[in-house]
Amino acid sequence: MKVMVLYFQPSVFRCILLRWVRMLGFATVYGTITLKLYRVLKVFLSRTAQRIPYMTSWKVLRLLGIILLIVLWFLVAWTSAVCEHPNRHLALITVGLTPEDLQFSMCLLDRWDYMMAVGWYFSACWNPVPGI
C-alpha cells in the first residue's frame, strides 16, 4: 500500500496518507506478531503442571485493538497539528535534485516522523515477560 501512495506525485493529502499507512501497517503487523508470540510464551513459561487459563483469540484482538487505538490517537494528533497551520502545508513537500540536476518532489520528514521512529524502536524493545 505504501508503494501505491509513493507512486503518484506528492501532495499534502498523499504525504498525510503515507504516514497513516506506514504507522497503521506497522502497528497491525508488529502488534499481531508480538501478541501471538506472547500467547505462546505464556503457555510455555507456566511453572505449574496445571493448565493455565488460555489466552483466547478475542483477548488477543482486544489487545491489538488497544495498540491500534494508541496509534490512531497519535495519528489524529499529528494530522490535526499539520492541518492547524494551513500556511505550513507547503512545508510537507520539497523539491530535491539528482546528481544530474533533475528535479523531483518528495514528502519531508519532520519531528513527528522522528517521534514515530522512536516509538517503533521502543515497541520493538518492549519485553512483556520479565527475566527473558
N, C-alpha and C. Protein backbone atom coordinates (compact mmCIF):
# COMPACT_ATOMS: atom_id res chain seq x y z
N MET A 1 0.82 -1.19 0.00
CA MET A 1 0.00 0.00 0.00
C MET A 1 0.87 1.26 0.00
N LYS A 2 1.97 1.22 0.76
CA LYS A 2 2.86 2.37 0.82
C LYS A 2 3.44 2.68 -0.55
N VAL A 3 3.76 1.64 -1.31
CA VAL A 3 4.32 1.83 -2.64
C VAL A 3 3.31 2.49 -3.55
N MET A 4 2.02 2.15 -3.39
CA MET A 4 0.99 2.77 -4.21
C MET A 4 0.88 4.26 -3.89
N VAL A 5 1.04 4.64 -2.64
CA VAL A 5 0.97 6.05 -2.26
C VAL A 5 2.18 6.79 -2.82
N LEU A 6 3.36 6.17 -2.78
CA LEU A 6 4.57 6.81 -3.28
C LEU A 6 4.63 6.89 -4.79
N TYR A 7 3.82 6.12 -5.50
CA TYR A 7 3.86 6.09 -6.96
C TYR A 7 3.42 7.42 -7.57
N PHE A 8 2.45 8.07 -6.98
CA PHE A 8 1.89 9.29 -7.53
C PHE A 8 2.69 10.52 -7.09
N GLN A 9 2.48 11.62 -7.81
CA GLN A 9 3.14 12.89 -7.48
C GLN A 9 2.76 13.30 -6.05
N PRO A 10 3.73 13.65 -5.21
CA PRO A 10 3.41 14.01 -3.82
C PRO A 10 2.48 15.23 -3.72
N SER A 11 1.54 15.12 -2.82
CA SER A 11 0.66 16.23 -2.47
C SER A 11 0.51 16.21 -0.96
N VAL A 12 -0.14 17.21 -0.42
CA VAL A 12 -0.33 17.27 1.03
C VAL A 12 -1.12 16.06 1.49
N PHE A 13 -2.20 15.73 0.76
CA PHE A 13 -3.02 14.58 1.13
C PHE A 13 -2.21 13.28 1.07
N ARG A 14 -1.39 13.11 0.04
CA ARG A 14 -0.62 11.87 -0.10
C ARG A 14 0.48 11.77 0.96
N CYS A 15 1.05 12.90 1.35
CA CYS A 15 2.06 12.86 2.41
C CYS A 15 1.43 12.48 3.75
N ILE A 16 0.22 12.99 4.00
CA ILE A 16 -0.50 12.60 5.22
C ILE A 16 -0.90 11.13 5.14
N LEU A 17 -1.42 10.71 4.00
CA LEU A 17 -1.83 9.31 3.81
C LEU A 17 -0.64 8.36 3.97
N LEU A 18 0.52 8.77 3.50
CA LEU A 18 1.72 7.93 3.62
C LEU A 18 2.04 7.62 5.07
N ARG A 19 1.95 8.62 5.91
CA ARG A 19 2.24 8.40 7.33
C ARG A 19 1.18 7.53 8.00
N TRP A 20 -0.09 7.72 7.62
CA TRP A 20 -1.16 6.90 8.17
C TRP A 20 -0.97 5.44 7.77
N VAL A 21 -0.66 5.19 6.50
CA VAL A 21 -0.48 3.81 6.03
C VAL A 21 0.72 3.18 6.71
N ARG A 22 1.80 3.93 6.81
CA ARG A 22 3.02 3.40 7.42
C ARG A 22 2.80 3.03 8.88
N MET A 23 2.20 3.92 9.65
CA MET A 23 2.00 3.66 11.09
C MET A 23 0.98 2.56 11.35
N LEU A 24 -0.15 2.61 10.66
CA LEU A 24 -1.17 1.58 10.88
C LEU A 24 -0.68 0.21 10.41
N GLY A 25 0.05 0.18 9.32
CA GLY A 25 0.61 -1.09 8.83
C GLY A 25 1.60 -1.68 9.82
N PHE A 26 2.50 -0.85 10.33
CA PHE A 26 3.48 -1.33 11.30
C PHE A 26 2.79 -1.83 12.56
N ALA A 27 1.84 -1.04 13.06
CA ALA A 27 1.17 -1.42 14.31
C ALA A 27 0.39 -2.73 14.13
N THR A 28 -0.25 -2.91 12.99
CA THR A 28 -1.03 -4.12 12.75
C THR A 28 -0.12 -5.35 12.65
N VAL A 29 0.91 -5.26 11.83
CA VAL A 29 1.79 -6.41 11.62
C VAL A 29 2.61 -6.72 12.87
N TYR A 30 3.28 -5.72 13.41
CA TYR A 30 4.14 -5.97 14.56
C TYR A 30 3.32 -6.31 15.80
N GLY A 31 2.17 -5.66 15.96
CA GLY A 31 1.31 -5.97 17.10
C GLY A 31 0.79 -7.39 17.04
N THR A 32 0.38 -7.84 15.86
CA THR A 32 -0.11 -9.21 15.70
C THR A 32 0.97 -10.23 16.02
N ILE A 33 2.16 -10.02 15.48
CA ILE A 33 3.26 -10.96 15.72
C ILE A 33 3.63 -10.99 17.21
N THR A 34 3.74 -9.82 17.81
CA THR A 34 4.12 -9.75 19.22
C THR A 34 3.08 -10.42 20.12
N LEU A 35 1.80 -10.14 19.86
CA LEU A 35 0.76 -10.71 20.72
C LEU A 35 0.63 -12.22 20.54
N LYS A 36 0.81 -12.72 19.33
CA LYS A 36 0.75 -14.17 19.14
C LYS A 36 1.93 -14.86 19.81
N LEU A 37 3.11 -14.25 19.72
CA LEU A 37 4.27 -14.82 20.42
C LEU A 37 4.07 -14.76 21.93
N TYR A 38 3.47 -13.70 22.42
CA TYR A 38 3.21 -13.57 23.84
C TYR A 38 2.23 -14.65 24.31
N ARG A 39 1.24 -14.96 23.48
CA ARG A 39 0.27 -16.00 23.85
C ARG A 39 0.96 -17.36 23.95
N VAL A 40 1.82 -17.68 23.01
CA VAL A 40 2.55 -18.95 23.05
C VAL A 40 3.53 -18.97 24.22
N LEU A 41 4.17 -17.83 24.47
CA LEU A 41 5.13 -17.75 25.56
C LEU A 41 4.48 -17.97 26.91
N LYS A 42 3.25 -17.47 27.09
CA LYS A 42 2.55 -17.68 28.36
C LYS A 42 2.32 -19.17 28.63
N VAL A 43 2.07 -19.94 27.58
CA VAL A 43 1.85 -21.37 27.76
C VAL A 43 3.14 -22.06 28.19
N PHE A 44 4.25 -21.73 27.53
CA PHE A 44 5.50 -22.42 27.81
C PHE A 44 6.20 -21.94 29.07
N LEU A 45 5.88 -20.78 29.58
CA LEU A 45 6.51 -20.30 30.80
C LEU A 45 5.73 -20.64 32.06
N SER A 46 4.69 -21.42 31.92
CA SER A 46 3.93 -21.83 33.08
C SER A 46 4.79 -22.74 33.94
N ARG A 47 4.91 -22.45 35.23
CA ARG A 47 5.76 -23.23 36.12
C ARG A 47 4.99 -24.29 36.89
N THR A 48 3.71 -24.38 36.61
CA THR A 48 2.91 -25.39 37.29
C THR A 48 2.51 -26.48 36.29
N ALA A 49 2.18 -27.61 36.83
CA ALA A 49 1.74 -28.71 35.97
C ALA A 49 0.28 -28.54 35.57
N GLN A 50 -0.40 -27.64 36.23
CA GLN A 50 -1.80 -27.41 35.90
C GLN A 50 -1.92 -26.51 34.68
N ARG A 51 -3.03 -26.66 34.03
CA ARG A 51 -3.27 -25.85 32.84
C ARG A 51 -3.61 -24.42 33.25
N ILE A 52 -2.93 -23.46 32.63
CA ILE A 52 -3.22 -22.06 32.90
C ILE A 52 -4.35 -21.60 32.00
N PRO A 53 -5.04 -20.53 32.38
CA PRO A 53 -6.10 -20.04 31.50
C PRO A 53 -5.52 -19.63 30.14
N TYR A 54 -6.11 -20.17 29.11
CA TYR A 54 -5.64 -19.93 27.75
C TYR A 54 -6.02 -18.53 27.30
N MET A 55 -5.13 -17.88 26.61
CA MET A 55 -5.39 -16.55 26.08
C MET A 55 -6.15 -16.71 24.76
N THR A 56 -7.41 -16.36 24.77
CA THR A 56 -8.25 -16.58 23.59
C THR A 56 -7.92 -15.59 22.49
N SER A 57 -8.42 -15.91 21.29
CA SER A 57 -8.21 -15.02 20.15
C SER A 57 -8.90 -13.68 20.36
N TRP A 58 -10.04 -13.68 21.07
CA TRP A 58 -10.73 -12.42 21.33
C TRP A 58 -9.90 -11.52 22.24
N LYS A 59 -9.19 -12.11 23.20
CA LYS A 59 -8.34 -11.30 24.07
C LYS A 59 -7.16 -10.72 23.28
N VAL A 60 -6.61 -11.53 22.38
CA VAL A 60 -5.53 -11.04 21.52
C VAL A 60 -6.04 -9.90 20.63
N LEU A 61 -7.25 -10.05 20.09
CA LEU A 61 -7.82 -8.99 19.26
C LEU A 61 -8.10 -7.73 20.07
N ARG A 62 -8.53 -7.88 21.31
CA ARG A 62 -8.76 -6.71 22.16
C ARG A 62 -7.45 -5.98 22.43
N LEU A 63 -6.39 -6.73 22.72
CA LEU A 63 -5.09 -6.10 22.94
C LEU A 63 -4.58 -5.42 21.68
N LEU A 64 -4.79 -6.06 20.52
CA LEU A 64 -4.40 -5.44 19.26
C LEU A 64 -5.23 -4.17 19.02
N GLY A 65 -6.50 -4.20 19.39
CA GLY A 65 -7.34 -3.02 19.27
C GLY A 65 -6.83 -1.87 20.13
N ILE A 66 -6.33 -2.18 21.32
CA ILE A 66 -5.76 -1.15 22.19
C ILE A 66 -4.51 -0.55 21.55
N ILE A 67 -3.68 -1.40 20.98
CA ILE A 67 -2.48 -0.90 20.30
C ILE A 67 -2.86 0.00 19.13
N LEU A 68 -3.85 -0.43 18.34
CA LEU A 68 -4.28 0.38 17.20
C LEU A 68 -4.94 1.69 17.64
N LEU A 69 -5.66 1.68 18.77
CA LEU A 69 -6.24 2.92 19.27
C LEU A 69 -5.17 3.92 19.69
N ILE A 70 -4.10 3.43 20.28
CA ILE A 70 -2.99 4.31 20.66
C ILE A 70 -2.35 4.92 19.41
N VAL A 71 -2.16 4.10 18.40
CA VAL A 71 -1.58 4.60 17.14
C VAL A 71 -2.53 5.59 16.47
N LEU A 72 -3.83 5.28 16.48
CA LEU A 72 -4.81 6.20 15.91
C LEU A 72 -4.82 7.54 16.65
N TRP A 73 -4.71 7.50 17.97
CA TRP A 73 -4.65 8.73 18.76
C TRP A 73 -3.45 9.57 18.34
N PHE A 74 -2.30 8.93 18.16
CA PHE A 74 -1.10 9.65 17.73
C PHE A 74 -1.30 10.23 16.33
N LEU A 75 -1.88 9.45 15.41
CA LEU A 75 -2.07 9.93 14.04
C LEU A 75 -3.08 11.08 13.97
N VAL A 76 -4.12 11.01 14.77
CA VAL A 76 -5.09 12.12 14.80
C VAL A 76 -4.42 13.38 15.35
N ALA A 77 -3.60 13.23 16.37
CA ALA A 77 -2.87 14.39 16.92
C ALA A 77 -1.93 14.97 15.88
N TRP A 78 -1.22 14.12 15.16
CA TRP A 78 -0.30 14.60 14.13
C TRP A 78 -1.05 15.29 13.00
N THR A 79 -2.14 14.68 12.54
CA THR A 79 -2.91 15.25 11.44
C THR A 79 -3.52 16.59 11.84
N SER A 80 -4.03 16.68 13.05
CA SER A 80 -4.60 17.96 13.50
C SER A 80 -3.51 19.02 13.64
N ALA A 81 -2.31 18.63 14.03
CA ALA A 81 -1.21 19.60 14.12
C ALA A 81 -0.79 20.08 12.74
N VAL A 82 -0.81 19.20 11.77
CA VAL A 82 -0.45 19.59 10.40
C VAL A 82 -1.54 20.47 9.79
N CYS A 83 -2.79 20.12 10.00
CA CYS A 83 -3.90 20.88 9.41
C CYS A 83 -4.18 22.17 10.15
N GLU A 84 -3.61 22.34 11.33
CA GLU A 84 -3.86 23.55 12.11
C GLU A 84 -3.22 24.78 11.46
N HIS A 85 -2.11 24.57 10.80
CA HIS A 85 -1.39 25.68 10.16
C HIS A 85 -1.46 25.52 8.65
N PRO A 86 -2.43 26.15 7.98
CA PRO A 86 -2.57 25.95 6.54
C PRO A 86 -1.39 26.49 5.74
N ASN A 87 -0.68 27.49 6.25
CA ASN A 87 0.46 28.01 5.50
C ASN A 87 1.65 27.05 5.57
N ARG A 88 1.62 26.12 6.47
CA ARG A 88 2.70 25.14 6.61
C ARG A 88 2.53 23.95 5.68
N HIS A 89 1.41 23.86 4.99
CA HIS A 89 1.16 22.72 4.11
C HIS A 89 2.24 22.58 3.06
N LEU A 90 2.74 23.68 2.57
CA LEU A 90 3.78 23.60 1.56
C LEU A 90 5.07 23.02 2.12
N ALA A 91 5.23 23.06 3.45
CA ALA A 91 6.44 22.53 4.07
C ALA A 91 6.43 21.00 4.13
N LEU A 92 5.30 20.37 3.80
CA LEU A 92 5.27 18.91 3.77
C LEU A 92 5.93 18.34 2.52
N ILE A 93 6.05 19.16 1.49
CA ILE A 93 6.59 18.71 0.21
C ILE A 93 7.80 19.57 -0.12
N THR A 94 8.84 18.94 -0.62
CA THR A 94 10.03 19.67 -1.05
C THR A 94 10.46 19.17 -2.42
N VAL A 95 11.32 19.92 -3.05
CA VAL A 95 11.86 19.56 -4.35
C VAL A 95 13.31 19.19 -4.15
N GLY A 96 13.68 18.00 -4.58
CA GLY A 96 15.06 17.54 -4.48
C GLY A 96 15.73 17.54 -5.84
N LEU A 97 17.04 17.40 -5.83
CA LEU A 97 17.82 17.37 -7.07
C LEU A 97 18.63 16.10 -7.14
N THR A 98 18.70 15.50 -8.33
CA THR A 98 19.55 14.34 -8.56
C THR A 98 20.95 14.83 -8.92
N PRO A 99 21.94 13.94 -8.97
CA PRO A 99 23.29 14.37 -9.39
C PRO A 99 23.31 14.94 -10.82
N GLU A 100 22.31 14.59 -11.62
CA GLU A 100 22.23 15.11 -13.00
C GLU A 100 21.41 16.39 -13.06
N ASP A 101 21.11 17.01 -11.91
CA ASP A 101 20.31 18.24 -11.80
C ASP A 101 18.88 18.07 -12.28
N LEU A 102 18.32 16.90 -12.12
CA LEU A 102 16.90 16.68 -12.39
C LEU A 102 16.13 16.90 -11.09
N GLN A 103 14.95 17.49 -11.19
CA GLN A 103 14.16 17.79 -10.01
C GLN A 103 13.12 16.70 -9.76
N PHE A 104 12.83 16.47 -8.48
CA PHE A 104 11.78 15.55 -8.09
C PHE A 104 11.15 16.05 -6.80
N SER A 105 9.88 15.73 -6.62
CA SER A 105 9.17 16.13 -5.40
C SER A 105 9.14 14.96 -4.43
N MET A 106 9.19 15.30 -3.15
CA MET A 106 9.13 14.26 -2.13
C MET A 106 8.52 14.83 -0.85
N CYS A 107 8.02 13.93 -0.01
CA CYS A 107 7.47 14.33 1.28
C CYS A 107 8.62 14.53 2.27
N LEU A 108 8.56 15.61 3.01
CA LEU A 108 9.60 15.91 4.00
C LEU A 108 9.38 15.14 5.29
N LEU A 109 10.46 14.90 6.00
CA LEU A 109 10.39 14.33 7.35
C LEU A 109 10.40 15.48 8.34
N ASP A 110 9.57 15.39 9.38
CA ASP A 110 9.57 16.41 10.41
C ASP A 110 9.73 15.73 11.77
N ARG A 111 9.59 16.51 12.84
CA ARG A 111 9.84 15.95 14.18
C ARG A 111 8.86 14.84 14.53
N TRP A 112 7.67 14.87 13.96
CA TRP A 112 6.69 13.82 14.21
C TRP A 112 7.18 12.49 13.64
N ASP A 113 7.84 12.53 12.49
CA ASP A 113 8.38 11.30 11.91
C ASP A 113 9.46 10.70 12.80
N TYR A 114 10.27 11.55 13.39
CA TYR A 114 11.29 11.05 14.30
C TYR A 114 10.67 10.48 15.57
N MET A 115 9.58 11.09 16.03
CA MET A 115 8.87 10.54 17.20
C MET A 115 8.26 9.18 16.85
N MET A 116 7.77 9.02 15.62
CA MET A 116 7.25 7.72 15.18
C MET A 116 8.36 6.68 15.18
N ALA A 117 9.54 7.04 14.70
CA ALA A 117 10.66 6.11 14.66
C ALA A 117 11.08 5.71 16.07
N VAL A 118 11.10 6.65 17.00
CA VAL A 118 11.45 6.34 18.39
C VAL A 118 10.39 5.42 18.99
N GLY A 119 9.12 5.68 18.69
CA GLY A 119 8.05 4.80 19.16
C GLY A 119 8.19 3.39 18.61
N TRP A 120 8.55 3.26 17.34
CA TRP A 120 8.77 1.93 16.76
C TRP A 120 9.92 1.23 17.48
N TYR A 121 10.99 1.98 17.75
CA TYR A 121 12.14 1.38 18.43
C TYR A 121 11.76 0.87 19.81
N PHE A 122 11.05 1.70 20.58
CA PHE A 122 10.66 1.27 21.93
C PHE A 122 9.66 0.12 21.90
N SER A 123 8.79 0.10 20.90
CA SER A 123 7.86 -1.03 20.81
C SER A 123 8.59 -2.31 20.42
N ALA A 124 9.66 -2.18 19.64
CA ALA A 124 10.45 -3.37 19.29
C ALA A 124 11.27 -3.87 20.47
N CYS A 125 11.66 -2.96 21.36
CA CYS A 125 12.47 -3.34 22.53
C CYS A 125 11.60 -3.78 23.70
N TRP A 126 10.31 -3.57 23.63
CA TRP A 126 9.41 -3.88 24.75
C TRP A 126 9.39 -5.38 24.98
N ASN A 127 9.54 -5.77 26.22
CA ASN A 127 9.52 -7.18 26.59
C ASN A 127 8.43 -7.39 27.63
N PRO A 128 7.33 -8.04 27.24
CA PRO A 128 6.22 -8.20 28.18
C PRO A 128 6.50 -9.19 29.32
N VAL A 129 7.52 -10.00 29.18
CA VAL A 129 7.81 -11.02 30.20
C VAL A 129 9.15 -10.70 30.85
N PRO A 130 9.17 -10.33 32.13
CA PRO A 130 10.45 -10.01 32.78
C PRO A 130 11.32 -11.27 32.93
N GLY A 131 12.61 -11.05 32.83
CA GLY A 131 13.55 -12.14 33.02
C GLY A 131 13.94 -12.85 31.73
N ILE A 132 13.43 -12.37 30.60
CA ILE A 132 13.79 -13.03 29.33
C ILE A 132 14.59 -12.07 28.50
